[in-house]
Amino acid sequence: MELNDIGNTELIELTSLSINNNSLFSKCELNNPTGSHKDRTFLYIIN
């Protein structure tokens, strides 16, 4: 299993935040079918 397969969301390289030739990646949560973790948290609080 690759890191990119977790949650089936894409990885985005954050080139503007790289330091000392290290790569920094982030998962694109807005493409999750249920939204980001913040969306699910707020929905739980509201309901």
N, C-alpha and C. Protein backbone atom coordinates (compact mmCIF):
# COMPACT_ATOMS: atom_id res chain seq x y z
N MET A 1 0.85 -1.18 0.00
CA MET A 1 0.00 0.00 0.00
C MET A 1 0.89 1.24 0.00
N GLU A 2 0.53 2.18 -0.83
CA GLU A 2 1.25 3.44 -0.88
C GLU A 2 0.51 4.48 -0.07
N LEU A 3 1.23 5.49 0.40
CA LEU A 3 0.61 6.57 1.15
C LEU A 3 -0.49 7.23 0.35
N ASN A 4 -0.32 7.34 -0.95
CA ASN A 4 -1.31 7.99 -1.80
C ASN A 4 -2.63 7.22 -1.85
N ASP A 5 -2.62 5.92 -1.52
CA ASP A 5 -3.83 5.10 -1.58
C ASP A 5 -4.73 5.31 -0.37
N ILE A 6 -4.23 5.87 0.71
CA ILE A 6 -5.02 6.03 1.92
C ILE A 6 -6.12 7.05 1.68
N GLY A 7 -7.35 6.63 1.81
CA GLY A 7 -8.49 7.52 1.62
C GLY A 7 -8.76 7.87 0.17
N ASN A 8 -7.97 7.34 -0.75
CA ASN A 8 -8.13 7.61 -2.18
C ASN A 8 -8.17 9.09 -2.50
N THR A 9 -7.44 9.90 -1.77
CA THR A 9 -7.33 11.33 -2.08
C THR A 9 -5.92 11.60 -2.58
N GLU A 10 -5.80 12.62 -3.37
CA GLU A 10 -4.51 12.90 -3.98
C GLU A 10 -3.54 13.57 -3.01
N LEU A 11 -2.26 13.38 -3.28
CA LEU A 11 -1.21 14.07 -2.54
C LEU A 11 -0.82 15.31 -3.32
N ILE A 12 -0.60 16.39 -2.62
CA ILE A 12 -0.17 17.63 -3.24
C ILE A 12 1.18 18.00 -2.64
N GLU A 13 2.16 18.23 -3.52
CA GLU A 13 3.48 18.64 -3.04
C GLU A 13 3.45 20.13 -2.73
N LEU A 14 3.86 20.48 -1.52
CA LEU A 14 3.89 21.88 -1.09
C LEU A 14 5.30 22.42 -1.33
N THR A 15 5.56 22.79 -2.56
CA THR A 15 6.91 23.20 -2.95
C THR A 15 7.34 24.49 -2.26
N SER A 16 6.41 25.36 -1.95
CA SER A 16 6.78 26.63 -1.32
C SER A 16 7.19 26.44 0.14
N LEU A 17 6.90 25.28 0.73
CA LEU A 17 7.23 25.03 2.13
C LEU A 17 8.42 24.08 2.30
N SER A 18 9.02 23.65 1.20
CA SER A 18 10.14 22.71 1.32
C SER A 18 11.38 23.41 1.86
N ILE A 19 12.11 22.69 2.71
CA ILE A 19 13.32 23.23 3.35
C ILE A 19 14.45 22.23 3.13
N ASN A 20 15.61 22.73 2.78
CA ASN A 20 16.82 21.90 2.62
C ASN A 20 16.60 20.72 1.67
N ASN A 21 15.95 20.97 0.55
CA ASN A 21 15.69 19.96 -0.48
C ASN A 21 14.84 18.80 0.01
N ASN A 22 14.07 18.97 1.07
CA ASN A 22 13.12 17.96 1.53
C ASN A 22 11.76 18.27 0.91
N SER A 23 11.04 17.22 0.57
CA SER A 23 9.71 17.40 -0.01
C SER A 23 8.66 17.30 1.08
N LEU A 24 7.66 18.15 0.99
CA LEU A 24 6.55 18.13 1.93
C LEU A 24 5.27 17.92 1.14
N PHE A 25 4.49 16.92 1.55
CA PHE A 25 3.25 16.59 0.85
C PHE A 25 2.07 16.71 1.80
N SER A 26 0.91 16.96 1.24
CA SER A 26 -0.31 17.07 2.02
C SER A 26 -1.42 16.31 1.30
N LYS A 27 -2.31 15.71 2.06
CA LYS A 27 -3.47 15.06 1.47
C LYS A 27 -4.53 16.11 1.16
N CYS A 28 -5.19 15.98 0.05
CA CYS A 28 -6.21 16.94 -0.38
C CYS A 28 -7.57 16.46 0.14
N GLU A 29 -7.91 16.82 1.39
CA GLU A 29 -9.12 16.31 2.04
C GLU A 29 -10.41 16.81 1.42
N LEU A 30 -10.37 17.94 0.73
CA LEU A 30 -11.62 18.45 0.16
C LEU A 30 -12.17 17.52 -0.91
N ASN A 31 -11.35 16.58 -1.39
CA ASN A 31 -11.82 15.61 -2.38
C ASN A 31 -12.38 14.34 -1.74
N ASN A 32 -12.35 14.23 -0.41
CA ASN A 32 -12.95 13.08 0.26
C ASN A 32 -14.46 13.09 0.04
N PRO A 33 -15.06 11.92 -0.13
CA PRO A 33 -16.52 11.88 -0.34
C PRO A 33 -17.31 12.46 0.83
N THR A 34 -16.75 12.41 2.03
CA THR A 34 -17.46 12.93 3.21
C THR A 34 -16.93 14.28 3.64
N GLY A 35 -16.08 14.90 2.84
CA GLY A 35 -15.52 16.20 3.19
C GLY A 35 -14.31 16.05 4.09
N SER A 36 -13.83 17.15 4.60
CA SER A 36 -12.65 17.11 5.47
C SER A 36 -13.05 16.70 6.88
N HIS A 37 -12.06 16.43 7.73
CA HIS A 37 -12.36 16.05 9.11
C HIS A 37 -13.07 17.19 9.83
N LYS A 38 -12.79 18.43 9.46
CA LYS A 38 -13.45 19.58 10.10
C LYS A 38 -14.93 19.60 9.73
N ASP A 39 -15.26 19.28 8.50
CA ASP A 39 -16.66 19.23 8.08
C ASP A 39 -17.43 18.20 8.89
N ARG A 40 -16.83 17.01 9.07
CA ARG A 40 -17.51 15.95 9.82
C ARG A 40 -17.66 16.33 11.29
N THR A 41 -16.65 16.99 11.87
CA THR A 41 -16.72 17.41 13.27
C THR A 41 -17.83 18.42 13.48
N PHE A 42 -17.89 19.44 12.63
CA PHE A 42 -18.93 20.46 12.77
C PHE A 42 -20.32 19.89 12.54
N LEU A 43 -20.45 18.96 11.60
CA LEU A 43 -21.75 18.33 11.36
C LEU A 43 -22.19 17.56 12.60
N TYR A 44 -21.25 16.86 13.26
CA TYR A 44 -21.57 16.13 14.49
C TYR A 44 -22.02 17.09 15.59
N ILE A 45 -21.33 18.22 15.73
CA ILE A 45 -21.68 19.20 16.77
C ILE A 45 -23.06 19.79 16.51
N ILE A 46 -23.35 20.11 15.26
CA ILE A 46 -24.64 20.72 14.92
C ILE A 46 -25.79 19.75 15.14
N ASN A 47 -25.57 18.48 14.79
CA ASN A 47 -26.64 17.49 14.94
C ASN A 47 -26.73 17.04 16.37
